[in-house]
Amino acid sequence: MAKQARPAVVGITGPADIRTIAECHGRLLEAMKGNEVVHVDLAALAEADLTFVQLIESARRFASYAGMTISLSAPAGTDLCEILRRGGFLNAPESRAFWLHERGAS
């Protein structure tokens, strides 16, 4: 199956936590199967936990390996940033660029 050239948008709504991560994973995986570019929309994200961060980090690594692109439609919000900071996910410039949309971070 040929991949679509236009981006797929995966909206994450409500909580993205240990209780809902399987659904988030399924939706993200489905979008990645048929698209070279996937945007994750967090506008309606109510709350998240470390399982969500791990899912997105895994998707980023897979996308990079597969020649795909995954991005966030907007920078991570305050609550998600706290989880990222506590977990050490904002230490690398490329992680800060992805999660916070910081350009030229070093």
Protein backbone atom coordinates (compact mmCIF):
# COMPACT_ATOMS: atom_id res chain seq x y z
CA MET A 1 0.00 0.00 0.00
CA ALA A 2 1.44 3.38 -1.03
CA LYS A 3 1.76 5.99 1.67
CA GLN A 4 -0.21 9.22 1.41
CA ALA A 5 1.76 12.41 0.69
CA ARG A 6 -0.51 14.65 2.74
CA PRO A 7 -0.21 14.57 6.52
CA ALA A 8 -2.53 12.56 8.72
CA VAL A 9 -3.77 14.25 11.88
CA VAL A 10 -4.27 12.19 15.02
CA GLY A 11 -6.25 14.13 17.61
CA ILE A 12 -5.65 13.06 21.18
CA THR A 13 -8.69 13.91 23.28
CA GLY A 14 -9.41 13.50 26.96
CA PRO A 15 -6.83 11.74 29.09
CA ALA A 16 -3.85 9.97 27.53
CA ASP A 17 -2.74 7.71 30.33
CA ILE A 18 -2.27 4.09 31.31
CA ARG A 19 -6.03 3.47 30.99
CA THR A 20 -6.32 4.86 27.44
CA ILE A 21 -2.86 4.29 25.98
CA ALA A 22 -3.88 1.22 23.97
CA GLU A 23 -6.46 3.30 22.09
CA CYS A 24 -3.94 6.10 21.50
CA HIS A 25 -1.41 3.54 20.26
CA GLY A 26 -3.91 2.00 17.84
CA ARG A 27 -4.91 5.35 16.36
CA LEU A 28 -1.30 6.48 15.99
CA LEU A 29 -0.22 3.18 14.45
CA GLU A 30 -3.09 3.27 11.96
CA ALA A 31 -2.14 6.79 10.86
CA MET A 32 1.52 5.80 10.49
CA LYS A 33 0.65 2.80 8.32
CA GLY A 34 -0.75 4.90 5.51
CA ASN A 35 1.06 8.23 5.78
CA GLU A 36 4.59 9.54 5.54
CA VAL A 37 3.77 12.53 7.74
CA VAL A 38 1.70 12.38 10.92
CA HIS A 39 0.73 15.37 13.06
CA VAL A 40 -0.37 14.68 16.63
CA ASP A 41 -2.94 17.25 17.75
CA LEU A 42 -2.89 17.78 21.53
CA ALA A 43 -5.39 20.67 21.60
CA ALA A 44 -8.03 18.55 23.38
CA LEU A 45 -5.60 16.63 25.61
CA ALA A 46 -7.03 16.74 29.12
CA GLU A 47 -4.15 15.06 30.94
CA ALA A 48 -1.28 12.71 30.23
CA ASP A 49 1.12 10.48 32.05
CA LEU A 50 4.47 8.91 31.32
CA THR A 51 2.94 6.16 29.19
CA PHE A 52 1.81 8.79 26.68
CA VAL A 53 5.29 10.34 26.55
CA GLN A 54 6.79 6.88 26.01
CA LEU A 55 4.32 6.17 23.20
CA ILE A 56 5.17 9.40 21.38
CA GLU A 57 8.91 8.88 21.90
CA SER A 58 8.62 5.36 20.45
CA ALA A 59 6.63 6.67 17.50
CA ARG A 60 9.29 9.33 16.88
CA ARG A 61 12.07 6.75 16.81
CA PHE A 62 10.11 4.41 14.55
CA ALA A 63 9.22 7.28 12.19
CA SER A 64 12.85 8.35 11.98
CA TYR A 65 13.95 4.79 11.22
CA ALA A 66 11.21 4.36 8.59
CA GLY A 67 11.88 7.69 6.83
CA MET A 68 8.65 9.19 8.13
CA THR A 69 7.90 12.39 10.01
CA ILE A 70 5.87 12.77 13.18
CA SER A 71 5.24 16.13 14.79
CA LEU A 72 3.06 17.90 17.31
CA SER A 73 0.61 20.44 15.97
CA ALA A 74 1.48 22.76 18.89
CA PRO A 75 4.07 22.79 21.68
CA ALA A 76 3.39 20.66 24.74
CA GLY A 77 1.31 22.39 27.39
CA THR A 78 2.34 23.18 30.95
CA ASP A 79 1.24 19.89 32.54
CA LEU A 80 2.81 17.77 29.84
CA CYS A 81 6.00 19.85 30.05
CA GLU A 82 6.26 19.02 33.75
CA ILE A 83 6.08 15.29 32.97
CA LEU A 84 8.69 15.74 30.24
CA ARG A 85 10.98 17.74 32.53
CA ARG A 86 10.73 15.26 35.42
CA GLY A 87 11.39 12.35 33.05
CA GLY A 88 14.45 13.99 31.49
CA PHE A 89 12.84 14.18 28.06
CA LEU A 90 13.77 17.84 27.51
CA ASN A 91 17.52 17.51 27.95
CA ALA A 92 18.46 17.02 24.29
CA PRO A 93 18.06 19.87 21.76
CA GLU A 94 16.18 17.63 19.30
CA SER A 95 13.72 16.66 22.04
CA ARG A 96 13.17 20.30 22.97
CA ALA A 97 12.62 21.08 19.28
CA PHE A 98 10.02 18.32 19.00
CA TRP A 99 8.10 18.81 22.26
CA LEU A 100 8.45 22.59 22.68
CA HIS A 101 8.90 23.66 19.04
CA GLU A 102 12.15 25.37 19.96
CA ARG A 103 14.24 26.05 16.89
CA GLY A 104 17.98 26.40 17.10
CA ALA A 105 18.02 24.96 20.64
CA SER A 106 21.47 23.82 21.62
